[in-house]
PDB file of N, CA and C in Angstrom:
ATOM      1  N   MET A   1     136.338  22.341 121.967  1.00  0.00           N
ATOM      2  CA  MET A   1     135.611  21.767 122.977  1.00  0.00           C
ATOM      3  C   MET A   1     136.170  22.138 124.566  1.00  0.00           C
ATOM      4  N   SER A   2     137.815  22.104 124.441  1.00  0.00           N
ATOM      5  CA  SER A   2     138.362  22.389 125.736  1.00  0.00           C
ATOM      6  C   SER A   2     137.998  23.997 126.112  1.00  0.00           C
ATOM      7  N   VAL A   3     138.020  24.560 125.378  1.00  0.00           N
ATOM      8  CA  VAL A   3     137.638  26.094 125.623  1.00  0.00           C
ATOM      9  C   VAL A   3     136.506  25.741 125.938  1.00  0.00           C
ATOM     10  N   LEU A   4     135.263  25.529 125.542  1.00  0.00           N
ATOM     11  CA  LEU A   4     134.012  25.419 126.046  1.00  0.00           C
ATOM     12  C   LEU A   4     133.876  24.718 127.258  1.00  0.00           C
ATOM     13  N   ARG A   5     134.396  24.124 127.417  1.00  0.00           N
ATOM     14  CA  ARG A   5     134.611  22.966 128.684  1.00  0.00           C
ATOM     15  C   ARG A   5     135.081  23.943 130.103  1.00  0.00           C
ATOM     16  N   VAL A   6     135.728  24.884 129.674  1.00  0.00           N
ATOM     17  CA  VAL A   6     136.496  25.597 130.703  1.00  0.00           C
ATOM     18  C   VAL A   6     135.508  26.865 130.903  1.00  0.00           C
ATOM     19  N   LEU A   7     135.131  27.668 129.834  1.00  0.00           N
ATOM     20  CA  LEU A   7     134.044  28.203 129.963  1.00  0.00           C
ATOM     21  C   LEU A   7     132.638  28.168 130.560  1.00  0.00           C
ATOM     22  N   THR A   8     132.407  26.997 130.486  1.00  0.00           N
ATOM     23  CA  THR A   8     130.962  26.640 131.216  1.00  0.00           C
ATOM     24  C   THR A   8     131.385  25.847 132.316  1.00  0.00           C
ATOM     25  N   LYS A   9     132.053  25.286 132.617  1.00  0.00           N
ATOM     26  CA  LYS A   9     132.150  24.147 133.722  1.00  0.00           C
ATOM     27  C   LYS A   9     133.130  24.635 134.632  1.00  0.00           C
ATOM     28  N   LYS A  10     134.174  25.175 134.347  1.00  0.00           N
ATOM     29  CA  LYS A  10     135.228  25.972 135.375  1.00  0.00           C
ATOM     30  C   LYS A  10     134.740  27.390 135.836  1.00  0.00           C
ATOM     31  N   LEU A  11     134.464  28.069 134.931  1.00  0.00           N
ATOM     32  CA  LEU A  11     134.383  29.352 134.960  1.00  0.00           C
ATOM     33  C   LEU A  11     132.959  29.809 135.033  1.00  0.00           C
ATOM     34  N   ASN A  12     132.241  28.730 134.758  1.00  0.00           N
ATOM     35  CA  ASN A  12     130.795  28.846 135.044  1.00  0.00           C
ATOM     36  C   ASN A  12     130.258  30.075 134.054  1.00  0.00           C
ATOM     37  N   LYS A  13     130.647  30.180 133.147  1.00  0.00           N
ATOM     38  CA  LYS A  13     130.241  30.945 131.754  1.00  0.00           C
ATOM     39  C   LYS A  13     128.849  30.545 131.139  1.00  0.00           C
ATOM     40  N   LYS A  14     128.019  31.315 130.989  1.00  0.00           N
ATOM     41  CA  LYS A  14     127.133  30.811 129.695  1.00  0.00           C
ATOM     42  C   LYS A  14     126.718  32.109 128.743  1.00  0.00           C
ATOM     43  N   LYS A  15     126.725  31.758 127.206  1.00  0.00           N
ATOM     44  CA  LYS A  15     126.675  32.618 126.299  1.00  0.00           C
ATOM     45  C   LYS A  15     124.937  33.358 126.107  1.00  0.00           C
ATOM     46  N   LYS A  16     124.875  34.445 126.434  1.00  0.00           N
ATOM     47  CA  LYS A  16     123.879  34.794 126.782  1.00  0.00           C
ATOM     48  C   LYS A  16     123.616  36.024 125.281  1.00  0.00           C
ATOM     49  N   PHE A  17     122.357  35.903 125.169  1.00  0.00           N
ATOM     50  CA  PHE A  17     122.354  37.043 124.071  1.00  0.00           C
ATOM     51  C   PHE A  17     121.800  38.539 124.257  1.00  0.00           C
ATOM     52  N   SER A  18     122.050  39.563 123.374  1.00  0.00           N
ATOM     53  CA  SER A  18     121.376  40.608 123.670  1.00  0.00           C
ATOM     54  C   SER A  18     120.107  41.111 123.713  1.00  0.00           C
ATOM     55  N   LYS A  19     119.323  42.070 124.572  1.00  0.00           N
ATOM     56  CA  LYS A  19     118.007  42.205 124.454  1.00  0.00           C
ATOM     57  C   LYS A  19     117.922  43.405 124.010  1.00  0.00           C
ATOM     58  N   TRP A  20     117.346  43.815 123.188  1.00  0.00           N
ATOM     59  CA  TRP A  20     117.190  45.058 122.189  1.00  0.00           C
ATOM     60  C   TRP A  20     116.322  46.090 123.153  1.00  0.00           C
ATOM     61  N   VAL A  21     116.880  46.878 123.245  1.00  0.00           N
ATOM     62  CA  VAL A  21     116.316  48.133 124.015  1.00  0.00           C
ATOM     63  C   VAL A  21     116.086  49.359 123.554  1.00  0.00           C
ATOM     64  N   PRO A  22     114.971  50.442 123.200  1.00  0.00           N
ATOM     65  CA  PRO A  22     115.141  51.374 122.118  1.00  0.00           C
ATOM     66  C   PRO A  22     116.484  52.392 122.594  1.00  0.00           C
ATOM     67  N   HIS A  23     116.403  52.501 123.973  1.00  0.00           N
ATOM     68  CA  HIS A  23     117.547  53.677 124.250  1.00  0.00           C
ATOM     69  C   HIS A  23     118.070  53.185 125.780  1.00  0.00           C
ATOM     70  N   LEU A  24     119.438  53.441 126.140  1.00  0.00           N
ATOM     71  CA  LEU A  24     120.275  53.157 126.729  1.00  0.00           C
ATOM     72  C   LEU A  24     120.045  54.440 127.572  1.00  0.00           C
ATOM     73  N   LEU A  25     119.510  54.522 128.883  1.00  0.00           N
ATOM     74  CA  LEU A  25     119.252  56.042 129.530  1.00  0.00           C
ATOM     75  C   LEU A  25     119.922  55.822 131.054  1.00  0.00           C
ATOM     76  N   THR A  26     120.630  57.232 131.281  1.00  0.00           N
ATOM     77  CA  THR A  26     121.709  57.237 132.513  1.00  0.00           C
ATOM     78  C   THR A  26     120.323  57.456 133.770  1.00  0.00           C
ATOM     79  N   ASP A  27     120.559  57.030 134.988  1.00  0.00           N
ATOM     80  CA  ASP A  27     119.735  57.498 136.196  1.00  0.00           C
ATOM     81  C   ASP A  27     119.213  58.587 136.149  1.00  0.00           C
ATOM     82  N   GLU A  28     120.071  59.754 135.844  1.00  0.00           N
ATOM     83  CA  GLU A  28     119.416  60.787 135.782  1.00  0.00           C
ATOM     84  C   GLU A  28     118.448  61.217 134.675  1.00  0.00           C
ATOM     85  N   GLN A  29     118.727  60.416 133.620  1.00  0.00           N
ATOM     86  CA  GLN A  29     117.428  60.843 132.593  1.00  0.00           C
ATOM     87  C   GLN A  29     116.433  60.210 132.777  1.00  0.00           C
ATOM     88  N   LYS A  30     116.369  58.676 133.420  1.00  0.00           N
ATOM     89  CA  LYS A  30     115.453  58.298 133.882  1.00  0.00           C
ATOM     90  C   LYS A  30     114.485  58.647 134.932  1.00  0.00           C
ATOM     91  N   GLU A  31     114.941  59.227 136.213  1.00  0.00           N
ATOM     92  CA  GLU A  31     114.562  60.197 137.049  1.00  0.00           C
ATOM     93  C   GLU A  31     113.533  61.729 136.577  1.00  0.00           C
ATOM     94  N   SER A  32     114.426  62.380 135.435  1.00  0.00           N
ATOM     95  CA  SER A  32     113.686  63.501 135.071  1.00  0.00           C
ATOM     96  C   SER A  32     112.455  62.888 134.244  1.00  0.00           C
ATOM     97  N   ARG A  33     112.449  61.486 133.370  1.00  0.00           N
ATOM     98  CA  ARG A  33     111.075  61.143 132.540  1.00  0.00           C
ATOM     99  C   ARG A  33     110.263  60.708 133.911  1.00  0.00           C
ATOM    100  N   VAL A  34     110.326  60.415 134.993  1.00  0.00           N
ATOM    101  CA  VAL A  34     109.560  59.986 136.167  1.00  0.00           C
ATOM    102  C   VAL A  34     108.799  61.497 136.354  1.00  0.00           C
ATOM    103  N   ASN A  35     109.762  62.403 137.056  1.00  0.00           N
ATOM    104  CA  ASN A  35     109.346  63.654 137.388  1.00  0.00           C
ATOM    105  C   ASN A  35     108.188  64.119 136.438  1.00  0.00           C
ATOM    106  N   PHE A  36     108.363  64.150 135.021  1.00  0.00           N
ATOM    107  CA  PHE A  36     107.726  64.619 133.996  1.00  0.00           C
ATOM    108  C   PHE A  36     106.441  64.086 133.802  1.00  0.00           C
ATOM    109  N   SER A  37     106.144  62.788 134.212  1.00  0.00           N
ATOM    110  CA  SER A  37     105.154  61.749 134.194  1.00  0.00           C
ATOM    111  C   SER A  37     104.313  62.208 135.734  1.00  0.00           C
ATOM    112  N   ARG A  38     104.986  62.542 136.646  1.00  0.00           N
ATOM    113  CA  ARG A  38     103.810  62.770 138.037  1.00  0.00           C
ATOM    114  C   ARG A  38     103.106  64.178 137.501  1.00  0.00           C
ATOM    115  N   ASN A  39     104.392  65.188 137.263  1.00  0.00           N
ATOM    116  CA  ASN A  39     103.523  66.331 136.662  1.00  0.00           C
ATOM    117  C   ASN A  39     102.551  66.131 135.909  1.00  0.00           C
ATOM    118  N   PHE A  40     102.398  65.459 134.837  1.00  0.00           N
ATOM    119  CA  PHE A  40     101.685  65.419 134.098  1.00  0.00           C
ATOM    120  C   PHE A  40     100.101  64.675 134.488  1.00  0.00           C
ATOM    121  N   LEU A  41     100.715  63.627 135.189  1.00  0.00           N
ATOM    122  CA  LEU A  41      99.364  63.124 136.095  1.00  0.00           C
ATOM    123  C   LEU A  41      98.674  64.013 137.229  1.00  0.00           C
ATOM    124  N   ARG A  42      99.610  64.966 137.749  1.00  0.00           N
ATOM    125  CA  ARG A  42      98.688  65.832 138.578  1.00  0.00           C
ATOM    126  C   ARG A  42      97.959  66.600 137.912  1.00  0.00           C
ATOM    127  N   ARG A  43      98.732  67.241 136.664  1.00  0.00           N
ATOM    128  CA  ARG A  43      97.770  68.362 135.758  1.00  0.00           C
ATOM    129  C   ARG A  43      96.756  67.503 134.972  1.00  0.00           C
ATOM    130  N   PHE A  44      96.462  66.205 134.778  1.00  0.00           N
ATOM    131  CA  PHE A  44      95.606  65.476 134.298  1.00  0.00           C
ATOM    132  C   PHE A  44      94.152  65.133 135.608  1.00  0.00           C
ATOM    133  N   GLN A  45      95.059  65.101 136.847  1.00  0.00           N
ATOM    134  CA  GLN A  45      93.909  64.785 137.631  1.00  0.00           C
ATOM    135  C   GLN A  45      93.039  66.063 138.176  1.00  0.00           C
ATOM    136  N   THR A  46      93.538  67.195 137.750  1.00  0.00           N
ATOM    137  CA  THR A  46      92.605  68.381 138.254  1.00  0.00           C
ATOM    138  C   THR A  46      91.938  68.690 136.810  1.00  0.00           C
ATOM    139  N   GLU A  47      92.818  68.786 135.371  1.00  0.00           N
ATOM    140  CA  GLU A  47      92.087  69.251 134.496  1.00  0.00           C
ATOM    141  C   GLU A  47      91.361  68.289 133.505  1.00  0.00           C
ATOM    142  N   GLN A  48      91.820  67.121 133.537  1.00  0.00           N
ATOM    143  CA  GLN A  48      91.095  66.178 133.139  1.00  0.00           C
ATOM    144  C   GLN A  48      91.359  66.062 130.939  1.00  0.00           C
ATOM    145  N   ASN A  49      90.210  65.978 130.467  1.00  0.00           N
ATOM    146  CA  ASN A  49      90.591  66.061 129.103  1.00  0.00           C
ATOM    147  C   ASN A  49      91.471  67.519 128.492  1.00  0.00           C
ATOM    148  N   ASP A  50      90.434  68.429 128.979  1.00  0.00           N
ATOM    149  CA  ASP A  50      91.361  69.928 128.949  1.00  0.00           C
ATOM    150  C   ASP A  50      92.596  69.898 128.676  1.00  0.00           C
ATOM    151  N   PHE A  51      93.144  69.214 129.707  1.00  0.00           N
ATOM    152  CA  PHE A  51      94.812  69.058 129.770  1.00  0.00           C
ATOM    153  C   PHE A  51      95.316  68.379 128.543  1.00  0.00           C
ATOM    154  N   LEU A  52      94.569  67.134 128.224  1.00  0.00           N
ATOM    155  CA  LEU A  52      95.398  66.482 127.439  1.00  0.00           C
ATOM    156  C   LEU A  52      94.833  66.994 125.832  1.00  0.00           C
ATOM    157  N   GLY A  53      94.043  67.325 125.894  1.00  0.00           N
ATOM    158  CA  GLY A  53      93.294  68.222 124.365  1.00  0.00           C
ATOM    159  C   GLY A  53      94.589  69.309 123.901  1.00  0.00           C
ATOM    160  N   ARG A  54      95.232  69.787 125.044  1.00  0.00           N
ATOM    161  CA  ARG A  54      96.186  70.787 124.566  1.00  0.00           C
ATOM    162  C   ARG A  54      97.747  70.229 124.493  1.00  0.00           C
ATOM    163  N   ILE A  55      97.966  69.193 124.807  1.00  0.00           N
ATOM    164  CA  ILE A  55      99.182  68.594 124.229  1.00  0.00           C
ATOM    165  C   ILE A  55      99.376  68.213 123.031  1.00  0.00           C
ATOM    166  N   ILE A  56     100.463  68.551 122.328  1.00  0.00           N
ATOM    167  CA  ILE A  56     101.165  68.138 120.924  1.00  0.00           C
ATOM    168  C   ILE A  56     102.395  67.807 121.287  1.00  0.00           C
ATOM    169  N   THR A  57     102.785  66.641 120.788  1.00  0.00           N
ATOM    170  CA  THR A  57     104.090  66.402 120.854  1.00  0.00           C
ATOM    171  C   THR A  57     105.012  65.987 119.566  1.00  0.00           C
ATOM    172  N   GLY A  58     106.083  65.885 119.570  1.00  0.00           N
ATOM    173  CA  GLY A  58     106.407  65.351 118.309  1.00  0.00           C
ATOM    174  C   GLY A  58     108.182  64.956 118.551  1.00  0.00           C
ATOM    175  N   ASP A  59     108.532  64.128 117.496  1.00  0.00           N
ATOM    176  CA  ASP A  59     109.869  63.488 117.576  1.00  0.00           C
ATOM    177  C   ASP A  59     110.397  63.420 115.969  1.00  0.00           C
ATOM    178  N   GLU A  60     111.622  63.570 116.005  1.00  0.00           N
ATOM    179  CA  GLU A  60     112.569  63.045 114.606  1.00  0.00           C
ATOM    180  C   GLU A  60     113.003  61.735 115.105  1.00  0.00           C
ATOM    181  N   THR A  61     113.456  61.220 113.636  1.00  0.00           N
ATOM    182  CA  THR A  61     114.438  60.254 113.833  1.00  0.00           C
ATOM    183  C   THR A  61     114.850  59.787 112.489  1.00  0.00           C
ATOM    184  N   TRP A  62     115.885  59.078 112.603  1.00  0.00           N
ATOM    185  CA  TRP A  62     116.259  58.638 111.214  1.00  0.00           C
ATOM    186  C   TRP A  62     115.605  56.948 110.831  1.00  0.00           C
ATOM    187  N   VAL A  63     115.230  57.181 109.532  1.00  0.00           N
ATOM    188  CA  VAL A  63     115.072  55.743 109.222  1.00  0.00           C
ATOM    189  C   VAL A  63     115.918  55.369 108.018  1.00  0.00           C
ATOM    190  N   TYR A  64     116.733  54.138 108.655  1.00  0.00           N
ATOM    191  CA  TYR A  64     117.771  53.390 107.773  1.00  0.00           C
ATOM    192  C   TYR A  64     117.201  52.376 106.795  1.00  0.00           C
ATOM    193  N   SER A  65     118.295  52.330 106.095  1.00  0.00           N
ATOM    194  CA  SER A  65     118.131  50.867 105.372  1.00  0.00           C
ATOM    195  C   SER A  65     119.450  50.082 105.834  1.00  0.00           C
ATOM    196  N   TRP A  66     118.800  49.167 106.597  1.00  0.00           N
ATOM    197  CA  TRP A  66     119.830  48.464 107.295  1.00  0.00           C
ATOM    198  C   TRP A  66     120.016  46.825 107.346  1.00  0.00           C
ATOM    199  N   ASP A  67     121.143  46.031 107.570  1.00  0.00           N
ATOM    200  CA  ASP A  67     121.055  44.509 107.699  1.00  0.00           C
ATOM    201  C   ASP A  67     121.132  44.451 109.160  1.00  0.00           C
ATOM    202  N   PRO A  68     120.473  43.983 109.814  1.00  0.00           N
ATOM    203  CA  PRO A  68     120.143  43.703 111.401  1.00  0.00           C
ATOM    204  C   PRO A  68     121.589  42.929 111.819  1.00  0.00           C
ATOM    205  N   GLU A  69     122.328  43.089 113.082  1.00  0.00           N
ATOM    206  CA  GLU A  69     123.110  41.888 113.502  1.00  0.00           C
ATOM    207  C   GLU A  69     122.223  40.693 114.130  1.00  0.00           C
ATOM    208  N   THR A  70     122.839  39.859 113.718  1.00  0.00           N
ATOM    209  CA  THR A  70     121.916  38.654 113.879  1.00  0.00           C
ATOM    210  C   THR A  70     122.402  38.242 115.701  1.00  0.00           C
ATOM    211  N   LYS A  71     121.415  37.330 116.105  1.00  0.00           N
ATOM    212  CA  LYS A  71     121.238  36.804 117.584  1.00  0.00           C
ATOM    213  C   LYS A  71     122.748  36.548 117.993  1.00  0.00           C
ATOM    214  N   ARG A  72     122.887  35.399 117.097  1.00  0.00           N
ATOM    215  CA  ARG A  72     124.609  35.006 117.563  1.00  0.00           C
ATOM    216  C   ARG A  72     125.199  35.893 117.227  1.00  0.00           C
ATOM    217  N   GLN A  73     125.434  37.019 116.313  1.00  0.00           N
ATOM    218  CA  GLN A  73     126.835  37.801 116.232  1.00  0.00           C
ATOM    219  C   GLN A  73     126.511  38.885 117.766  1.00  0.00           C
ATOM    220  N   SER A  74     125.269  38.997 118.152  1.00  0.00           N
ATOM    221  CA  SER A  74     125.584  39.600 119.506  1.00  0.00           C
ATOM    222  C   SER A  74     125.725  39.231 121.016  1.00  0.00           C
ATOM    223  N   ALA A  75     125.754  37.594 120.639  1.00  0.00           N
ATOM    224  CA  ALA A  75     126.295  37.096 122.224  1.00  0.00           C
ATOM    225  C   ALA A  75     127.172  37.242 122.642  1.00  0.00           C
ATOM    226  N   GLU A  76     127.261  37.340 123.982  1.00  0.00           N
ATOM    227  CA  GLU A  76     128.234  37.632 124.854  1.00  0.00           C
ATOM    228  C   GLU A  76     128.444  36.448 125.986  1.00  0.00           C
ATOM    229  N   TRP A  77     129.698  35.716 126.253  1.00  0.00           N
ATOM    230  CA  TRP A  77     129.952  35.019 127.753  1.00  0.00           C
ATOM    231  C   TRP A  77     129.495  36.123 128.847  1.00  0.00           C
ATOM    232  N   ARG A  78     128.822  35.234 129.705  1.00  0.00           N
ATOM    233  CA  ARG A  78     128.380  35.817 130.778  1.00  0.00           C
ATOM    234  C   ARG A  78     128.009  34.805 132.119  1.00  0.00           C
ATOM    235  N   ASP A  79     128.305  35.313 133.288  1.00  0.00           N
ATOM    236  CA  ASP A  79     127.824  34.271 134.224  1.00  0.00           C
ATOM    237  C   ASP A  79     126.485  33.725 134.357  1.00  0.00           C
ATOM    238  N   PHE A  80     126.082  32.721 134.632  1.00  0.00           N
ATOM    239  CA  PHE A  80     124.905  32.290 134.648  1.00  0.00           C
ATOM    240  C   PHE A  80     123.948  33.041 135.285  1.00  0.00           C
ATOM    241  N   ASP A  81     124.361  33.625 136.512  1.00  0.00           N
ATOM    242  CA  ASP A  81     123.158  34.446 136.865  1.00  0.00           C
ATOM    243  C   ASP A  81     123.420  36.089 136.840  1.00  0.00           C
ATOM    244  N   GLU A  82     124.236  36.263 135.631  1.00  0.00           N
ATOM    245  CA  GLU A  82     123.979  37.655 135.166  1.00  0.00           C
ATOM    246  C   GLU A  82     122.846  37.975 134.216  1.00  0.00           C
ATOM    247  N   PRO A  83     122.575  39.605 134.069  1.00  0.00           N
ATOM    248  CA  PRO A  83     121.384  39.358 133.031  1.00  0.00           C
ATOM    249  C   PRO A  83     121.928  39.150 131.531  1.00  0.00           C
ATOM    250  N   ARG A  84     121.066  39.374 130.675  1.00  0.00           N
ATOM    251  CA  ARG A  84     121.363  39.399 129.229  1.00  0.00           C
ATOM    252  C   ARG A  84     122.320  40.843 129.390  1.00  0.00           C
ATOM    253  N   PRO A  85     122.745  40.885 128.042  1.00  0.00           N
ATOM    254  CA  PRO A  85     123.261  42.267 127.433  1.00  0.00           C
ATOM    255  C   PRO A  85     122.205  42.994 127.091  1.00  0.00           C
ATOM    256  N   GLU A  86     122.378  44.120 127.290  1.00  0.00           N
ATOM    257  CA  GLU A  86     121.095  45.158 126.308  1.00  0.00           C
ATOM    258  C   GLU A  86     122.274  46.114 125.045  1.00  0.00           C
ATOM    259  N   LYS A  87     121.409  46.031 123.859  1.00  0.00           N
ATOM    260  CA  LYS A  87     122.016  47.080 122.958  1.00  0.00           C
ATOM    261  C   LYS A  87     120.834  47.637 122.124  1.00  0.00           C
ATOM    262  N   VAL A  88     121.291  48.746 121.773  1.00  0.00           N
ATOM    263  CA  VAL A  88     120.300  49.781 121.317  1.00  0.00           C
ATOM    264  C   VAL A  88     120.572  49.354 119.774  1.00  0.00           C
ATOM    265  N   ARG A  89     119.131  49.115 119.330  1.00  0.00           N
ATOM    266  CA  ARG A  89     119.200  48.883 117.875  1.00  0.00           C
ATOM    267  C   ARG A  89     119.095  49.896 116.916  1.00  0.00           C
ATOM    268  N   ARG A  90     120.706  50.210 116.585  1.00  0.00           N
ATOM    269  CA  ARG A  90     120.703  51.174 115.509  1.00  0.00           C
ATOM    270  C   ARG A  90     122.221  50.717 114.799  1.00  0.00           C
ATOM    271  N   LYS A  91     121.683  50.944 113.446  1.00  0.00           N
ATOM    272  CA  LYS A  91     123.102  50.790 112.851  1.00  0.00           C
ATOM    273  C   LYS A  91     122.692  51.235 111.356  1.00  0.00           C
ATOM    274  N   GLN A  92     123.810  51.948 111.233  1.00  0.00           N
ATOM    275  CA  GLN A  92     123.480  52.977 109.845  1.00  0.00           C
ATOM    276  C   GLN A  92     123.711  52.275 108.955  1.00  0.00           C
ATOM    277  N   GLY A  93     122.816  52.425 107.797  1.00  0.00           N
ATOM    278  CA  GLY A  93     123.163  51.745 106.554  1.00  0.00           C
ATOM    279  C   GLY A  93     123.410  53.132 105.480  1.00  0.00           C
ATOM    280  N   ALA A  94     123.517  52.353 104.203  1.00  0.00           N
ATOM    281  CA  ALA A  94     123.808  53.215 102.757  1.00  0.00           C
ATOM    282  C   ALA A  94     122.845  54.545 102.834  1.00  0.00           C
ATOM    283  N   LEU A  95     121.495  54.410 102.928  1.00  0.00           N
ATOM    284  CA  LEU A  95     120.345  55.175 102.543  1.00  0.00           C
ATOM    285  C   LEU A  95     119.415  55.286 103.979  1.00  0.00           C
ATOM    286  N   LYS A  96     119.589  56.623 104.260  1.00  0.00           N
ATOM    287  CA  LYS A  96     118.622  57.141 105.475  1.00  0.00           C
ATOM    288  C   LYS A  96     117.989  58.460 105.402  1.00  0.00           C
ATOM    289  N   VAL A  97     116.752  58.801 105.883  1.00  0.00           N
ATOM    290  CA  VAL A  97     115.599  59.639 105.611  1.00  0.00           C
ATOM    291  C   VAL A  97     115.462  60.275 107.287  1.00  0.00           C
ATOM    292  N   MET A  98     115.685  61.727 107.207  1.00  0.00           N
ATOM    293  CA  MET A  98     114.750  62.141 108.782  1.00  0.00           C
ATOM    294  C   MET A  98     113.419  62.004 108.539  1.00  0.00           C
ATOM    295  N   HIS A  99     112.559  61.766 109.471  1.00  0.00           N
ATOM    296  CA  HIS A  99     111.028  61.705 109.526  1.00  0.00           C
ATOM    297  C   HIS A  99     110.930  62.522 110.743  1.00  0.00           C
ATOM    298  N   MET A 100     109.772  63.471 110.525  1.00  0.00           N
ATOM    299  CA  MET A 100     109.496  64.317 111.858  1.00  0.00           C
ATOM    300  C   MET A 100     107.704  63.892 112.126  1.00  0.00           C
ATOM    301  N   ILE A 101     107.212  63.280 113.032  1.00  0.00           N
ATOM    302  CA  ILE A 101     106.019  63.034 113.627  1.00  0.00           C
ATOM    303  C   ILE A 101     105.662  63.948 114.697  1.00  0.00           C
ATOM    304  N   PHE A 102     104.384  64.600 114.183  1.00  0.00           N
ATOM    305  CA  PHE A 102     103.699  65.146 115.646  1.00  0.00           C
ATOM    306  C   PHE A 102     102.224  64.674 115.843  1.00  0.00           C
ATOM    307  N   PHE A 103     101.843  64.475 116.843  1.00  0.00           N
ATOM    308  CA  PHE A 103     100.540  63.957 117.474  1.00  0.00           C
ATOM    309  C   PHE A 103     100.146  64.593 118.395  1.00  0.00           C
ATOM    310  N   ASP A 104      98.885  64.413 118.477  1.00  0.00           N
ATOM    311  CA  ASP A 104      98.021  64.860 119.916  1.00  0.00           C
ATOM    312  C   ASP A 104      97.179  63.597 120.576  1.00  0.00           C
ATOM    313  N   MET A 105      96.042  63.409 121.390  1.00  0.00           N
ATOM    314  CA  MET A 105      95.156  62.702 121.610  1.00  0.00           C
ATOM    315  C   MET A 105      94.445  61.674 121.241  1.00  0.00           C
ATOM    316  N   ASN A 106      94.281  62.436 119.818  1.00  0.00           N
ATOM    317  CA  ASN A 106      93.686  61.856 118.945  1.00  0.00           C
ATOM    318  C   ASN A 106      94.068  61.236 117.894  1.00  0.00           C
ATOM    319  N   GLY A 107      95.663  61.169 117.837  1.00  0.00           N
ATOM    320  CA  GLY A 107      96.613  60.505 116.938  1.00  0.00           C
ATOM    321  C   GLY A 107      97.509  61.258 115.986  1.00  0.00           C
ATOM    322  N   VAL A 108      98.140  60.849 114.844  1.00  0.00           N
ATOM    323  CA  VAL A 108      99.176  61.764 114.160  1.00  0.00           C
ATOM    324  C   VAL A 108      98.661  62.501 113.627  1.00  0.00           C
ATOM    325  N   ILE A 109      98.969  63.846 113.717  1.00  0.00           N
ATOM    326  CA  ILE A 109      98.747  65.147 113.257  1.00  0.00           C
ATOM    327  C   ILE A 109      99.442  65.465 111.604  1.00  0.00           C
ATOM    328  N   LEU A 110     100.951  65.032 112.010  1.00  0.00           N
ATOM    329  CA  LEU A 110     101.748  65.261 110.993  1.00  0.00           C
ATOM    330  C   LEU A 110     103.007  64.362 110.574  1.00  0.00           C
ATOM    331  N   ARG A 111     103.033  63.760 109.498  1.00  0.00           N
ATOM    332  CA  ARG A 111     104.159  62.706 109.261  1.00  0.00           C
ATOM    333  C   ARG A 111     104.971  63.598 108.115  1.00  0.00           C
ATOM    334  N   TRP A 112     106.325  63.807 108.323  1.00  0.00           N
ATOM    335  CA  TRP A 112     107.197  64.956 107.310  1.00  0.00           C
ATOM    336  C   TRP A 112     108.579  64.266 107.108  1.00  0.00           C
ATOM    337  N   PRO A 113     108.509  63.862 105.912  1.00  0.00           N
ATOM    338  CA  PRO A 113     110.194  63.553 105.639  1.00  0.00           C
ATOM    339  C   PRO A 113     110.858  64.741 105.513  1.00  0.00           C
ATOM    340  N   VAL A 114     112.177  64.628 105.841  1.00  0.00           N
ATOM    341  CA  VAL A 114     112.879  66.051 106.165  1.00  0.00           C
ATOM    342  C   VAL A 114     113.788  66.229 105.108  1.00  0.00           C
ATOM    343  N   PRO A 115     113.955  67.183 104.157  1.00  0.00           N
ATOM    344  CA  PRO A 115     114.854  67.272 102.687  1.00  0.00           C
ATOM    345  C   PRO A 115     116.076  66.892 103.287  1.00  0.00           C
ATOM    346  N   ILE A 116     116.915  66.333 102.574  1.00  0.00           N
ATOM    347  CA  ILE A 116     118.478  66.212 102.838  1.00  0.00           C
ATOM    348  C   ILE A 116     119.254  67.041 103.008  1.00  0.00           C
ATOM    349  N   GLY A 117     119.961  67.368 104.096  1.00  0.00           N
ATOM    350  CA  GLY A 117     120.937  68.479 104.025  1.00  0.00           C
ATOM    351  C   GLY A 117     120.190  69.619 105.523  1.00  0.00           C
ATOM    352  N   THR A 118     118.764  69.171 105.539  1.00  0.00           N
ATOM    353  CA  THR A 118     117.914  70.697 106.191  1.00  0.00           C
ATOM    354  C   THR A 118     118.263  70.542 107.716  1.00  0.00           C
ATOM    355  N   THR A 119     118.282  71.320 108.741  1.00  0.00           N
ATOM    356  CA  THR A 119     118.670  71.396 109.922  1.00  0.00           C
ATOM    357  C   THR A 119     117.443  71.217 110.620  1.00  0.00           C
ATOM    358  N   ILE A 120     117.125  70.387 111.614  1.00  0.00           N
ATOM    359  CA  ILE A 120     115.983  70.736 112.360  1.00  0.00           C
ATOM    360  C   ILE A 120     116.403  71.551 113.481  1.00  0.00           C
ATOM    361  N   ASN A 121     115.425  72.812 113.460  1.00  0.00           N
ATOM    362  CA  ASN A 121     115.280  73.991 114.627  1.00  0.00           C
ATOM    363  C   ASN A 121     114.154  74.389 114.654  1.00  0.00           C
ATOM    364  N   ALA A 122     113.842  75.194 115.614  1.00  0.00           N
ATOM    365  CA  ALA A 122     112.607  75.994 115.881  1.00  0.00           C
ATOM    366  C   ALA A 122     112.103  76.741 114.385  1.00  0.00           C
ATOM    367  N   GLN A 123     113.120  77.324 113.776  1.00  0.00           N
ATOM    368  CA  GLN A 123     112.714  77.925 112.736  1.00  0.00           C
ATOM    369  C   GLN A 123     112.098  77.440 111.869  1.00  0.00           C
ATOM    370  N   TYR A 124     112.757  76.119 111.289  1.00  0.00           N
ATOM    371  CA  TYR A 124     112.242  75.020 110.232  1.00  0.00           C
ATOM    372  C   TYR A 124     111.032  74.595 110.875  1.00  0.00           C
TER     373      TYR A 124
END
């Protein structure tokens, strides 16, 4: 109780739980995404759905079996006026499978589990 009193009353600290975010981006990465978005908006304003219909995008991701860290386990002592800590939701488990997903403006075109040991490159 003494430690708690010192942290909360004397040091003005409060335990704040992490906020889950998909990625922790640098300022440069954020700026790059804004620039790409502005370029896409300009193209859309002139070409409308013809532009959108030509876009196919994709991504790959690892799908893990995992036990998430509890909210209590991710808590940190912070000043009262400090924001909650951010934490990327990633924790590797014993079983994982790489998946690729491709889609266009109408929805998913392809979902593909990648064989174990396969390198994802342009040739694949």
